[in-house]
């Protein structure tokens, strides 16, 4: 994008953990907050080159990350932490991966300026 000098859009995936603390997930939350800091810095640095930088913060996505034996076993073994994590999520059904993709597609489109 910089070499072409035509502007553009960068979308970085964070999570709800990038916006608030998530009990039991210190390392994950710290990493996702770091992504938000990266986005804010890049947005300021790249704005003069007409490059938009955004983060998305999905929560409760029906994906292989949340639907696997390891995660299910972990939740069973750490019920208090699992309850705390669920308390950080919106009380709605899990989003489909396609819902997240649609947001990204809009952010990189010409409609989002």
PDB file of N, CA and C in Angstrom:
ATOM      1  N   UNK A   1       0.824  -1.189   0.000  1.00  0.00           N
ATOM      2  CA  UNK A   1       0.000   0.000   0.000  1.00  0.00           C
ATOM      3  C   UNK A   1       0.868   1.253   0.000  1.00  0.00           C
ATOM      4  N   UNK A   2       1.916   1.229   0.796  1.00  0.00           N
ATOM      5  CA  UNK A   2       2.774   2.409   0.850  1.00  0.00           C
ATOM      6  C   UNK A   2       3.473   2.631  -0.484  1.00  0.00           C
ATOM      7  N   UNK A   3       3.982   1.557  -1.081  1.00  0.00           N
ATOM      8  CA  UNK A   3       4.690   1.691  -2.347  1.00  0.00           C
ATOM      9  C   UNK A   3       3.759   2.144  -3.463  1.00  0.00           C
ATOM     10  N   UNK A   4       2.531   1.634  -3.477  1.00  0.00           N
ATOM     11  CA  UNK A   4       1.569   2.004  -4.514  1.00  0.00           C
ATOM     12  C   UNK A   4       1.044   3.416  -4.312  1.00  0.00           C
ATOM     13  N   UNK A   5       1.053   3.894  -3.084  1.00  0.00           N
ATOM     14  CA  UNK A   5       0.593   5.240  -2.739  1.00  0.00           C
ATOM     15  C   UNK A   5      -0.830   5.504  -3.233  1.00  0.00           C
ATOM     16  N   UNK A   6      -1.692   4.477  -3.089  1.00  0.00           N
ATOM     17  CA  UNK A   6      -3.090   4.601  -3.510  1.00  0.00           C
ATOM     18  C   UNK A   6      -4.060   4.574  -2.339  1.00  0.00           C
ATOM     19  N   UNK A   7      -3.557   4.682  -1.123  1.00  0.00           N
ATOM     20  CA  UNK A   7      -4.431   4.571   0.034  1.00  0.00           C
ATOM     21  C   UNK A   7      -4.830   3.130   0.250  1.00  0.00           C
ATOM     22  N   UNK A   8      -5.804   2.929   1.098  1.00  0.00           N
ATOM     23  CA  UNK A   8      -6.278   1.579   1.348  1.00  0.00           C
ATOM     24  C   UNK A   8      -6.846   1.428   2.734  1.00  0.00           C
ATOM     25  N   UNK A   9      -6.984   0.188   3.141  1.00  0.00           N
ATOM     26  CA  UNK A   9      -7.591  -0.114   4.425  1.00  0.00           C
ATOM     27  C   UNK A   9      -6.942  -1.343   5.037  1.00  0.00           C
ATOM     28  N   UNK A  10      -6.665  -1.256   6.320  1.00  0.00           N
ATOM     29  CA  UNK A  10      -6.128  -2.374   7.082  1.00  0.00           C
ATOM     30  C   UNK A  10      -7.132  -2.679   8.187  1.00  0.00           C
ATOM     31  N   UNK A  11      -7.497  -3.939   8.326  1.00  0.00           N
ATOM     32  CA  UNK A  11      -8.390  -4.362   9.402  1.00  0.00           C
ATOM     33  C   UNK A  11      -7.665  -5.435  10.212  1.00  0.00           C
ATOM     34  N   UNK A  12      -7.559  -5.202  11.509  1.00  0.00           N
ATOM     35  CA  UNK A  12      -6.884  -6.128  12.407  1.00  0.00           C
ATOM     36  C   UNK A  12      -7.940  -6.732  13.337  1.00  0.00           C
ATOM     37  N   UNK A  13      -7.913  -8.046  13.483  1.00  0.00           N
ATOM     38  CA  UNK A  13      -8.886  -8.709  14.342  1.00  0.00           C
ATOM     39  C   UNK A  13      -8.390  -8.747  15.782  1.00  0.00           C
ATOM     40  N   UNK A  14      -9.159  -8.154  16.668  1.00  0.00           N
ATOM     41  CA  UNK A  14      -8.919  -8.223  18.104  1.00  0.00           C
ATOM     42  C   UNK A  14     -10.053  -9.067  18.681  1.00  0.00           C
ATOM     43  N   UNK A  15     -10.608  -8.689  19.776  1.00  0.00           N
ATOM     44  CA  UNK A  15     -11.789  -9.332  20.353  1.00  0.00           C
ATOM     45  C   UNK A  15     -12.345  -8.390  21.406  1.00  0.00           C
ATOM     46  N   UNK A  16     -13.435  -8.782  22.032  1.00  0.00           N
ATOM     47  CA  UNK A  16     -13.986  -7.971  23.108  1.00  0.00           C
ATOM     48  C   UNK A  16     -12.934  -7.781  24.196  1.00  0.00           C
ATOM     49  N   UNK A  17     -11.998  -8.718  24.310  1.00  0.00           N
ATOM     50  CA  UNK A  17     -10.924  -8.621  25.302  1.00  0.00           C
ATOM     51  C   UNK A  17      -9.981  -7.457  25.012  1.00  0.00           C
ATOM     52  N   UNK A  18     -10.029  -6.907  23.814  1.00  0.00           N
ATOM     53  CA  UNK A  18      -9.223  -5.737  23.492  1.00  0.00           C
ATOM     54  C   UNK A  18      -9.829  -4.444  23.990  1.00  0.00           C
ATOM     55  N   UNK A  19     -11.064  -4.513  24.474  1.00  0.00           N
ATOM     56  CA  UNK A  19     -11.762  -3.312  24.936  1.00  0.00           C
ATOM     57  C   UNK A  19     -11.993  -3.293  26.438  1.00  0.00           C
ATOM     58  N   UNK A  20     -11.939  -4.471  27.066  1.00  0.00           N
ATOM     59  CA  UNK A  20     -12.150  -4.516  28.515  1.00  0.00           C
ATOM     60  C   UNK A  20     -11.442  -5.736  29.084  1.00  0.00           C
ATOM     61  N   UNK A  21     -11.256  -5.745  30.372  1.00  0.00           N
ATOM     62  CA  UNK A  21     -10.608  -6.875  31.015  1.00  0.00           C
ATOM     63  C   UNK A  21     -11.493  -8.106  30.993  1.00  0.00           C
ATOM     64  N   UNK A  22     -10.883  -9.258  30.796  1.00  0.00           N
ATOM     65  CA  UNK A  22     -11.606 -10.524  30.794  1.00  0.00           C
ATOM     66  C   UNK A  22     -10.987 -11.414  31.868  1.00  0.00           C
ATOM     67  N   UNK A  23     -11.742 -11.688  32.905  1.00  0.00           N
ATOM     68  CA  UNK A  23     -11.248 -12.500  34.017  1.00  0.00           C
ATOM     69  C   UNK A  23     -10.757 -13.854  33.535  1.00  0.00           C
ATOM     70  N   UNK A  24      -9.627 -14.271  34.050  1.00  0.00           N
ATOM     71  CA  UNK A  24      -9.088 -15.576  33.723  1.00  0.00           C
ATOM     72  C   UNK A  24      -8.322 -15.644  32.422  1.00  0.00           C
ATOM     73  N   UNK A  25      -8.204 -14.539  31.729  1.00  0.00           N
ATOM     74  CA  UNK A  25      -7.543 -14.523  30.416  1.00  0.00           C
ATOM     75  C   UNK A  25      -6.542 -13.374  30.336  1.00  0.00           C
ATOM     76  N   UNK A  26      -5.701 -13.248  31.344  1.00  0.00           N
ATOM     77  CA  UNK A  26      -4.773 -12.122  31.414  1.00  0.00           C
ATOM     78  C   UNK A  26      -3.903 -12.018  30.170  1.00  0.00           C
ATOM     79  N   UNK A  27      -3.290 -13.111  29.769  1.00  0.00           N
ATOM     80  CA  UNK A  27      -2.387 -13.092  28.619  1.00  0.00           C
ATOM     81  C   UNK A  27      -3.130 -12.730  27.330  1.00  0.00           C
ATOM     82  N   UNK A  28      -4.296 -13.303  27.136  1.00  0.00           N
ATOM     83  CA  UNK A  28      -5.099 -13.040  25.940  1.00  0.00           C
ATOM     84  C   UNK A  28      -5.558 -11.582  25.923  1.00  0.00           C
ATOM     85  N   UNK A  29      -6.027 -11.098  27.075  1.00  0.00           N
ATOM     86  CA  UNK A  29      -6.500  -9.717  27.176  1.00  0.00           C
ATOM     87  C   UNK A  29      -5.368  -8.738  26.910  1.00  0.00           C
ATOM     88  N   UNK A  30      -4.192  -9.000  27.468  1.00  0.00           N
ATOM     89  CA  UNK A  30      -3.046  -8.117  27.241  1.00  0.00           C
ATOM     90  C   UNK A  30      -2.681  -8.072  25.760  1.00  0.00           C
ATOM     91  N   UNK A  31      -2.687  -9.226  25.109  1.00  0.00           N
ATOM     92  CA  UNK A  31      -2.359  -9.274  23.684  1.00  0.00           C
ATOM     93  C   UNK A  31      -3.380  -8.505  22.854  1.00  0.00           C
ATOM     94  N   UNK A  32      -4.657  -8.659  23.171  1.00  0.00           N
ATOM     95  CA  UNK A  32      -5.700  -7.973  22.407  1.00  0.00           C
ATOM     96  C   UNK A  32      -5.682  -6.471  22.656  1.00  0.00           C
ATOM     97  N   UNK A  33      -5.340  -6.032  23.877  1.00  0.00           N
ATOM     98  CA  UNK A  33      -5.168  -4.598  24.119  1.00  0.00           C
ATOM     99  C   UNK A  33      -3.977  -4.067  23.316  1.00  0.00           C
ATOM    100  N   UNK A  34      -2.941  -4.882  23.174  1.00  0.00           N
ATOM    101  CA  UNK A  34      -1.798  -4.493  22.354  1.00  0.00           C
ATOM    102  C   UNK A  34      -2.189  -4.266  20.905  1.00  0.00           C
ATOM    103  N   UNK A  35      -3.100  -5.077  20.397  1.00  0.00           N
ATOM    104  CA  UNK A  35      -3.585  -4.907  19.025  1.00  0.00           C
ATOM    105  C   UNK A  35      -4.291  -3.564  18.873  1.00  0.00           C
ATOM    106  N   UNK A  36      -5.059  -3.176  19.880  1.00  0.00           N
ATOM    107  CA  UNK A  36      -5.752  -1.880  19.823  1.00  0.00           C
ATOM    108  C   UNK A  36      -4.730  -0.749  19.795  1.00  0.00           C
ATOM    109  N   UNK A  37      -3.686  -0.852  20.601  1.00  0.00           N
ATOM    110  CA  UNK A  37      -2.637   0.162  20.578  1.00  0.00           C
ATOM    111  C   UNK A  37      -1.940   0.229  19.231  1.00  0.00           C
ATOM    112  N   UNK A  38      -1.679  -0.933  18.637  1.00  0.00           N
ATOM    113  CA  UNK A  38      -1.078  -0.985  17.310  1.00  0.00           C
ATOM    114  C   UNK A  38      -1.968  -0.288  16.293  1.00  0.00           C
ATOM    115  N   UNK A  39      -3.267  -0.587  16.334  1.00  0.00           N
ATOM    116  CA  UNK A  39      -4.207   0.039  15.399  1.00  0.00           C
ATOM    117  C   UNK A  39      -4.205   1.550  15.557  1.00  0.00           C
ATOM    118  N   UNK A  40      -4.267   2.037  16.793  1.00  0.00           N
ATOM    119  CA  UNK A  40      -4.318   3.488  17.017  1.00  0.00           C
ATOM    120  C   UNK A  40      -3.062   4.173  16.501  1.00  0.00           C
ATOM    121  N   UNK A  41      -1.919   3.545  16.725  1.00  0.00           N
ATOM    122  CA  UNK A  41      -0.663   4.120  16.253  1.00  0.00           C
ATOM    123  C   UNK A  41      -0.586   4.101  14.732  1.00  0.00           C
ATOM    124  N   UNK A  42      -0.907   2.958  14.129  1.00  0.00           N
ATOM    125  CA  UNK A  42      -0.874   2.871  12.667  1.00  0.00           C
ATOM    126  C   UNK A  42      -1.874   3.827  12.032  1.00  0.00           C
ATOM    127  N   UNK A  43      -3.043   3.973  12.634  1.00  0.00           N
ATOM    128  CA  UNK A  43      -4.050   4.882  12.078  1.00  0.00           C
ATOM    129  C   UNK A  43      -3.499   6.302  12.002  1.00  0.00           C
ATOM    130  N   UNK A  44      -2.813   6.737  13.037  1.00  0.00           N
ATOM    131  CA  UNK A  44      -2.228   8.089  13.029  1.00  0.00           C
ATOM    132  C   UNK A  44      -1.081   8.197  12.031  1.00  0.00           C
ATOM    133  N   UNK A  45      -0.248   7.170  11.978  1.00  0.00           N
ATOM    134  CA  UNK A  45       0.902   7.204  11.077  1.00  0.00           C
ATOM    135  C   UNK A  45       0.502   7.119   9.608  1.00  0.00           C
ATOM    136  N   UNK A  46      -0.530   6.348   9.307  1.00  0.00           N
ATOM    137  CA  UNK A  46      -0.878   6.085   7.909  1.00  0.00           C
ATOM    138  C   UNK A  46      -1.984   6.981   7.361  1.00  0.00           C
ATOM    139  N   UNK A  47      -2.669   7.714   8.214  1.00  0.00           N
ATOM    140  CA  UNK A  47      -3.745   8.602   7.748  1.00  0.00           C
ATOM    141  C   UNK A  47      -3.271   9.584   6.679  1.00  0.00           C
ATOM    142  N   UNK A  48      -2.089  10.186   6.813  1.00  0.00           N
ATOM    143  CA  UNK A  48      -1.644  11.100   5.752  1.00  0.00           C
ATOM    144  C   UNK A  48      -1.472  10.426   4.391  1.00  0.00           C
ATOM    145  N   UNK A  49      -1.365   9.093   4.382  1.00  0.00           N
ATOM    146  CA  UNK A  49      -1.231   8.342   3.129  1.00  0.00           C
ATOM    147  C   UNK A  49      -2.579   7.771   2.689  1.00  0.00           C
ATOM    148  N   UNK A  50      -3.668   8.243   3.303  1.00  0.00           N
ATOM    149  CA  UNK A  50      -5.033   7.788   2.994  1.00  0.00           C
ATOM    150  C   UNK A  50      -5.219   6.292   3.220  1.00  0.00           C
ATOM    151  N   UNK A  51      -4.570   5.780   4.249  1.00  0.00           N
ATOM    152  CA  UNK A  51      -4.744   4.382   4.628  1.00  0.00           C
ATOM    153  C   UNK A  51      -5.501   4.363   5.952  1.00  0.00           C
ATOM    154  N   UNK A  52      -6.689   3.762   5.932  1.00  0.00           N
ATOM    155  CA  UNK A  52      -7.500   3.621   7.139  1.00  0.00           C
ATOM    156  C   UNK A  52      -7.069   2.364   7.889  1.00  0.00           C
ATOM    157  N   UNK A  53      -7.064   2.435   9.206  1.00  0.00           N
ATOM    158  CA  UNK A  53      -6.715   1.272  10.026  1.00  0.00           C
ATOM    159  C   UNK A  53      -7.794   1.109  11.087  1.00  0.00           C
ATOM    160  N   UNK A  54      -8.383  -0.072  11.143  1.00  0.00           N
ATOM    161  CA  UNK A  54      -9.451  -0.366  12.101  1.00  0.00           C
ATOM    162  C   UNK A  54      -9.195  -1.709  12.770  1.00  0.00           C
ATOM    163  N   UNK A  55      -9.815  -1.882  13.923  1.00  0.00           N
ATOM    164  CA  UNK A  55      -9.867  -3.200  14.548  1.00  0.00           C
ATOM    165  C   UNK A  55     -11.326  -3.622  14.635  1.00  0.00           C
ATOM    166  N   UNK A  56     -11.526  -4.922  14.642  1.00  0.00           N
ATOM    167  CA  UNK A  56     -12.855  -5.454  14.927  1.00  0.00           C
ATOM    168  C   UNK A  56     -12.741  -6.227  16.240  1.00  0.00           C
ATOM    169  N   UNK A  57     -13.852  -6.300  16.960  1.00  0.00           N
ATOM    170  CA  UNK A  57     -13.842  -6.888  18.299  1.00  0.00           C
ATOM    171  C   UNK A  57     -14.983  -7.885  18.475  1.00  0.00           C
ATOM    172  N   UNK A  58     -14.931  -8.994  17.750  1.00  0.00           N
ATOM    173  CA  UNK A  58     -16.014  -9.965  17.879  1.00  0.00           C
ATOM    174  C   UNK A  58     -15.997 -10.648  19.247  1.00  0.00           C
ATOM    175  N   UNK A  59     -17.150 -11.093  19.657  1.00  0.00           N
ATOM    176  CA  UNK A  59     -17.290 -11.893  20.873  1.00  0.00           C
ATOM    177  C   UNK A  59     -18.263 -13.023  20.586  1.00  0.00           C
ATOM    178  N   UNK A  60     -17.968 -14.179  21.096  1.00  0.00           N
ATOM    179  CA  UNK A  60     -18.881 -15.298  20.919  1.00  0.00           C
ATOM    180  C   UNK A  60     -19.064 -15.713  19.479  1.00  0.00           C
ATOM    181  N   UNK A  61     -17.974 -15.970  18.770  1.00  0.00           N
ATOM    182  CA  UNK A  61     -18.058 -16.390  17.372  1.00  0.00           C
ATOM    183  C   UNK A  61     -18.065 -17.916  17.316  1.00  0.00           C
ATOM    184  N   UNK A  62     -18.992 -18.462  16.565  1.00  0.00           N
ATOM    185  CA  UNK A  62     -19.076 -19.903  16.351  1.00  0.00           C
ATOM    186  C   UNK A  62     -17.967 -20.292  15.382  1.00  0.00           C
ATOM    187  N   UNK A  63     -16.839 -20.710  15.922  1.00  0.00           N
ATOM    188  CA  UNK A  63     -15.668 -20.982  15.091  1.00  0.00           C
ATOM    189  C   UNK A  63     -14.881 -22.157  15.665  1.00  0.00           C
ATOM    190  N   UNK A  64     -13.916 -22.673  14.906  1.00  0.00           N
ATOM    191  CA  UNK A  64     -13.077 -23.755  15.434  1.00  0.00           C
ATOM    192  C   UNK A  64     -12.341 -23.362  16.724  1.00  0.00           C
ATOM    193  N   UNK A  65     -12.059 -22.084  16.909  1.00  0.00           N
ATOM    194  CA  UNK A  65     -11.379 -21.656  18.132  1.00  0.00           C
ATOM    195  C   UNK A  65     -12.226 -21.943  19.371  1.00  0.00           C
ATOM    196  N   UNK A  66     -13.527 -21.752  19.257  1.00  0.00           N
ATOM    197  CA  UNK A  66     -14.398 -21.951  20.419  1.00  0.00           C
ATOM    198  C   UNK A  66     -15.100 -23.305  20.422  1.00  0.00           C
ATOM    199  N   UNK A  67     -15.068 -23.998  19.318  1.00  0.00           N
ATOM    200  CA  UNK A  67     -15.746 -25.300  19.217  1.00  0.00           C
ATOM    201  C   UNK A  67     -14.733 -26.419  19.022  1.00  0.00           C
ATOM    202  N   UNK A  68     -13.990 -26.708  20.069  1.00  0.00           N
ATOM    203  CA  UNK A  68     -13.038 -27.804  19.977  1.00  0.00           C
ATOM    204  C   UNK A  68     -12.939 -28.504  21.326  1.00  0.00           C
ATOM    205  N   UNK A  69     -12.394 -29.696  21.316  1.00  0.00           N
ATOM    206  CA  UNK A  69     -12.307 -30.492  22.542  1.00  0.00           C
ATOM    207  C   UNK A  69     -11.464 -29.811  23.607  1.00  0.00           C
ATOM    208  N   UNK A  70     -10.361 -29.186  23.206  1.00  0.00           N
ATOM    209  CA  UNK A  70      -9.484 -28.545  24.184  1.00  0.00           C
ATOM    210  C   UNK A  70     -10.225 -27.457  24.950  1.00  0.00           C
ATOM    211  N   UNK A  71     -10.907 -26.581  24.227  1.00  0.00           N
ATOM    212  CA  UNK A  71     -11.601 -25.467  24.878  1.00  0.00           C
ATOM    213  C   UNK A  71     -12.735 -25.980  25.761  1.00  0.00           C
ATOM    214  N   UNK A  72     -13.479 -26.958  25.281  1.00  0.00           N
ATOM    215  CA  UNK A  72     -14.564 -27.526  26.079  1.00  0.00           C
ATOM    216  C   UNK A  72     -14.053 -28.157  27.360  1.00  0.00           C
ATOM    217  N   UNK A  73     -12.958 -28.900  27.266  1.00  0.00           N
ATOM    218  CA  UNK A  73     -12.354 -29.511  28.456  1.00  0.00           C
ATOM    219  C   UNK A  73     -11.854 -28.440  29.409  1.00  0.00           C
ATOM    220  N   UNK A  74     -11.225 -27.411  28.869  1.00  0.00           N
ATOM    221  CA  UNK A  74     -10.722 -26.315  29.706  1.00  0.00           C
ATOM    222  C   UNK A  74     -11.865 -25.657  30.468  1.00  0.00           C
ATOM    223  N   UNK A  75     -12.974 -25.407  29.785  1.00  0.00           N
ATOM    224  CA  UNK A  75     -14.121 -24.789  30.456  1.00  0.00           C
ATOM    225  C   UNK A  75     -14.663 -25.676  31.576  1.00  0.00           C
ATOM    226  N   UNK A  76     -14.681 -26.983  31.347  1.00  0.00           N
ATOM    227  CA  UNK A  76     -15.145 -27.907  32.387  1.00  0.00           C
ATOM    228  C   UNK A  76     -14.212 -27.897  33.594  1.00  0.00           C
ATOM    229  N   UNK A  77     -12.919 -27.801  33.345  1.00  0.00           N
ATOM    230  CA  UNK A  77     -11.933 -27.831  34.422  1.00  0.00           C
ATOM    231  C   UNK A  77     -11.819 -26.502  35.164  1.00  0.00           C
ATOM    232  N   UNK A  78     -12.237 -25.433  34.547  1.00  0.00           N
ATOM    233  CA  UNK A  78     -12.116 -24.094  35.126  1.00  0.00           C
ATOM    234  C   UNK A  78     -13.479 -23.404  35.097  1.00  0.00           C
ATOM    235  N   UNK A  79     -14.443 -23.991  35.778  1.00  0.00           N
ATOM    236  CA  UNK A  79     -15.822 -23.513  35.684  1.00  0.00           C
ATOM    237  C   UNK A  79     -15.960 -22.046  36.096  1.00  0.00           C
ATOM    238  N   UNK A  80     -15.283 -21.629  37.165  1.00  0.00           N
ATOM    239  CA  UNK A  80     -15.394 -20.231  37.602  1.00  0.00           C
ATOM    240  C   UNK A  80     -14.882 -19.277  36.530  1.00  0.00           C
ATOM    241  N   UNK A  81     -13.750 -19.627  35.922  1.00  0.00           N
ATOM    242  CA  UNK A  81     -13.210 -18.766  34.870  1.00  0.00           C
ATOM    243  C   UNK A  81     -14.121 -18.774  33.651  1.00  0.00           C
ATOM    244  N   UNK A  82     -14.669 -19.944  33.322  1.00  0.00           N
ATOM    245  CA  UNK A  82     -15.606 -20.025  32.206  1.00  0.00           C
ATOM    246  C   UNK A  82     -16.826 -19.160  32.440  1.00  0.00           C
ATOM    247  N   UNK A  83     -17.345 -19.187  33.674  1.00  0.00           N
ATOM    248  CA  UNK A  83     -18.493 -18.337  34.007  1.00  0.00           C
ATOM    249  C   UNK A  83     -18.127 -16.867  33.874  1.00  0.00           C
ATOM    250  N   UNK A  84     -16.925 -16.507  34.330  1.00  0.00           N
ATOM    251  CA  UNK A  84     -16.479 -15.113  34.221  1.00  0.00           C
ATOM    252  C   UNK A  84     -16.342 -14.707  32.761  1.00  0.00           C
ATOM    253  N   UNK A  85     -15.798 -15.599  31.935  1.00  0.00           N
ATOM    254  CA  UNK A  85     -15.658 -15.294  30.510  1.00  0.00           C
ATOM    255  C   UNK A  85     -17.025 -15.100  29.869  1.00  0.00           C
ATOM    256  N   UNK A  86     -17.958 -15.991  30.174  1.00  0.00           N
ATOM    257  CA  UNK A  86     -19.299 -15.854  29.603  1.00  0.00           C
ATOM    258  C   UNK A  86     -19.959 -14.560  30.074  1.00  0.00           C
ATOM    259  N   UNK A  87     -19.633 -14.113  31.284  1.00  0.00           N
ATOM    260  CA  UNK A  87     -20.170 -12.858  31.804  1.00  0.00           C
ATOM    261  C   UNK A  87     -19.679 -11.644  31.043  1.00  0.00           C
ATOM    262  N   UNK A  88     -18.586 -11.798  30.307  1.00  0.00           N
ATOM    263  CA  UNK A  88     -18.049 -10.706  29.509  1.00  0.00           C
ATOM    264  C   UNK A  88     -18.648 -10.654  28.111  1.00  0.00           C
ATOM    265  N   UNK A  89     -19.413 -11.657  27.758  1.00  0.00           N
ATOM    266  CA  UNK A  89     -19.966 -11.732  26.409  1.00  0.00           C
ATOM    267  C   UNK A  89     -21.368 -11.149  26.374  1.00  0.00           C
ATOM    268  N   UNK A  90     -21.756 -10.703  25.212  1.00  0.00           N
ATOM    269  CA  UNK A  90     -23.108 -10.189  25.032  1.00  0.00           C
ATOM    270  C   UNK A  90     -24.096 -11.349  25.152  1.00  0.00           C
ATOM    271  N   UNK A  91     -25.256 -11.121  25.765  1.00  0.00           N
ATOM    272  CA  UNK A  91     -26.230 -12.207  25.943  1.00  0.00           C
ATOM    273  C   UNK A  91     -27.034 -12.475  24.669  1.00  0.00           C
ATOM    274  N   UNK A  92     -26.336 -12.857  23.627  1.00  0.00           N
ATOM    275  CA  UNK A  92     -26.966 -13.182  22.346  1.00  0.00           C
ATOM    276  C   UNK A  92     -26.339 -14.476  21.836  1.00  0.00           C
ATOM    277  N   UNK A  93     -26.958 -15.071  20.835  1.00  0.00           N
ATOM    278  CA  UNK A  93     -26.376 -16.262  20.231  1.00  0.00           C
ATOM    279  C   UNK A  93     -25.017 -15.925  19.631  1.00  0.00           C
ATOM    280  N   UNK A  94     -24.185 -16.942  19.503  1.00  0.00           N
ATOM    281  CA  UNK A  94     -22.870 -16.757  18.899  1.00  0.00           C
ATOM    282  C   UNK A  94     -23.018 -16.249  17.467  1.00  0.00           C
ATOM    283  N   UNK A  95     -22.097 -15.389  17.087  1.00  0.00           N
ATOM    284  CA  UNK A  95     -22.075 -14.891  15.714  1.00  0.00           C
ATOM    285  C   UNK A  95     -21.504 -15.967  14.798  1.00  0.00           C
ATOM    286  N   UNK A  96     -21.925 -15.950  13.563  1.00  0.00           N
ATOM    287  CA  UNK A  96     -21.330 -16.825  12.557  1.00  0.00           C
ATOM    288  C   UNK A  96     -20.055 -16.163  12.040  1.00  0.00           C
ATOM    289  N   UNK A  97     -19.117 -16.971  11.588  1.00  0.00           N
ATOM    290  CA  UNK A  97     -17.884 -16.411  11.026  1.00  0.00           C
ATOM    291  C   UNK A  97     -18.198 -15.489   9.852  1.00  0.00           C
ATOM    292  N   UNK A  98     -19.275 -15.791   9.130  1.00  0.00           N
ATOM    293  CA  UNK A  98     -19.662 -14.954   7.991  1.00  0.00           C
ATOM    294  C   UNK A  98     -20.081 -13.553   8.437  1.00  0.00           C
ATOM    295  N   UNK A  99     -20.626 -13.437   9.640  1.00  0.00           N
ATOM    296  CA  UNK A  99     -20.982 -12.113  10.166  1.00  0.00           C
ATOM    297  C   UNK A  99     -19.733 -11.261  10.359  1.00  0.00           C
ATOM    298  N   UNK A 100     -18.689 -11.872  10.885  1.00  0.00           N
ATOM    299  CA  UNK A 100     -17.425 -11.164  11.082  1.00  0.00           C
ATOM    300  C   UNK A 100     -16.832 -10.790   9.726  1.00  0.00           C
ATOM    301  N   UNK A 101     -16.874 -11.712   8.788  1.00  0.00           N
ATOM    302  CA  UNK A 101     -16.350 -11.449   7.441  1.00  0.00           C
ATOM    303  C   UNK A 101     -17.080 -10.296   6.773  1.00  0.00           C
ATOM    304  N   UNK A 102     -18.388 -10.200   6.984  1.00  0.00           N
ATOM    305  CA  UNK A 102     -19.171  -9.117   6.377  1.00  0.00           C
ATOM    306  C   UNK A 102     -18.739  -7.759   6.922  1.00  0.00           C
ATOM    307  N   UNK A 103     -18.437  -7.695   8.199  1.00  0.00           N
ATOM    308  CA  UNK A 103     -17.959  -6.435   8.784  1.00  0.00           C
ATOM    309  C   UNK A 103     -16.621  -6.047   8.168  1.00  0.00           C
ATOM    310  N   UNK A 104     -15.727  -7.013   8.036  1.00  0.00           N
ATOM    311  CA  UNK A 104     -14.420  -6.734   7.437  1.00  0.00           C
ATOM    312  C   UNK A 104     -14.588  -6.276   5.996  1.00  0.00           C
ATOM    313  N   UNK A 105     -15.438  -6.960   5.239  1.00  0.00           N
ATOM    314  CA  UNK A 105     -15.662  -6.579   3.840  1.00  0.00           C
ATOM    315  C   UNK A 105     -16.160  -5.146   3.744  1.00  0.00           C
ATOM    316  N   UNK A 106     -17.049  -4.746   4.643  1.00  0.00           N
ATOM    317  CA  UNK A 106     -17.548  -3.370   4.629  1.00  0.00           C
ATOM    318  C   UNK A 106     -16.435  -2.390   4.974  1.00  0.00           C
ATOM    319  N   UNK A 107     -15.624  -2.720   5.987  1.00  0.00           N
ATOM    320  CA  UNK A 107     -14.554  -1.807   6.397  1.00  0.00           C
ATOM    321  C   UNK A 107     -13.526  -1.571   5.291  1.00  0.00           C
ATOM    322  N   UNK A 108     -13.269  -2.567   4.463  1.00  0.00           N
ATOM    323  CA  UNK A 108     -12.283  -2.382   3.397  1.00  0.00           C
ATOM    324  C   UNK A 108     -12.910  -1.859   2.111  1.00  0.00           C
ATOM    325  N   UNK A 109     -14.226  -1.738   2.089  1.00  0.00           N
ATOM    326  CA  UNK A 109     -14.911  -1.284   0.873  1.00  0.00           C
ATOM    327  C   UNK A 109     -14.852   0.232   0.724  1.00  0.00           C
ATOM    328  N   UNK A 110     -15.215   0.681  -0.442  1.00  0.00           N
ATOM    329  CA  UNK A 110     -15.316   2.112  -0.700  1.00  0.00           C
ATOM    330  C   UNK A 110     -16.470   2.761   0.039  1.00  0.00           C
ATOM    331  N   UNK A 111     -17.437   1.959   0.506  1.00  0.00           N
ATOM    332  CA  UNK A 111     -18.575   2.504   1.252  1.00  0.00           C
ATOM    333  C   UNK A 111     -18.171   3.006   2.634  1.00  0.00           C
ATOM    334  N   UNK A 112     -17.047   2.542   3.126  1.00  0.00           N
ATOM    335  CA  UNK A 112     -16.596   2.903   4.480  1.00  0.00           C
ATOM    336  C   UNK A 112     -15.484   3.937   4.380  1.00  0.00           C
ATOM    337  N   UNK A 113     -15.877   5.173   4.232  1.00  0.00           N
ATOM    338  CA  UNK A 113     -14.876   6.242   4.192  1.00  0.00           C
ATOM    339  C   UNK A 113     -15.428   7.394   4.895  1.00  0.00           C
TER     340      UNK A 113
END
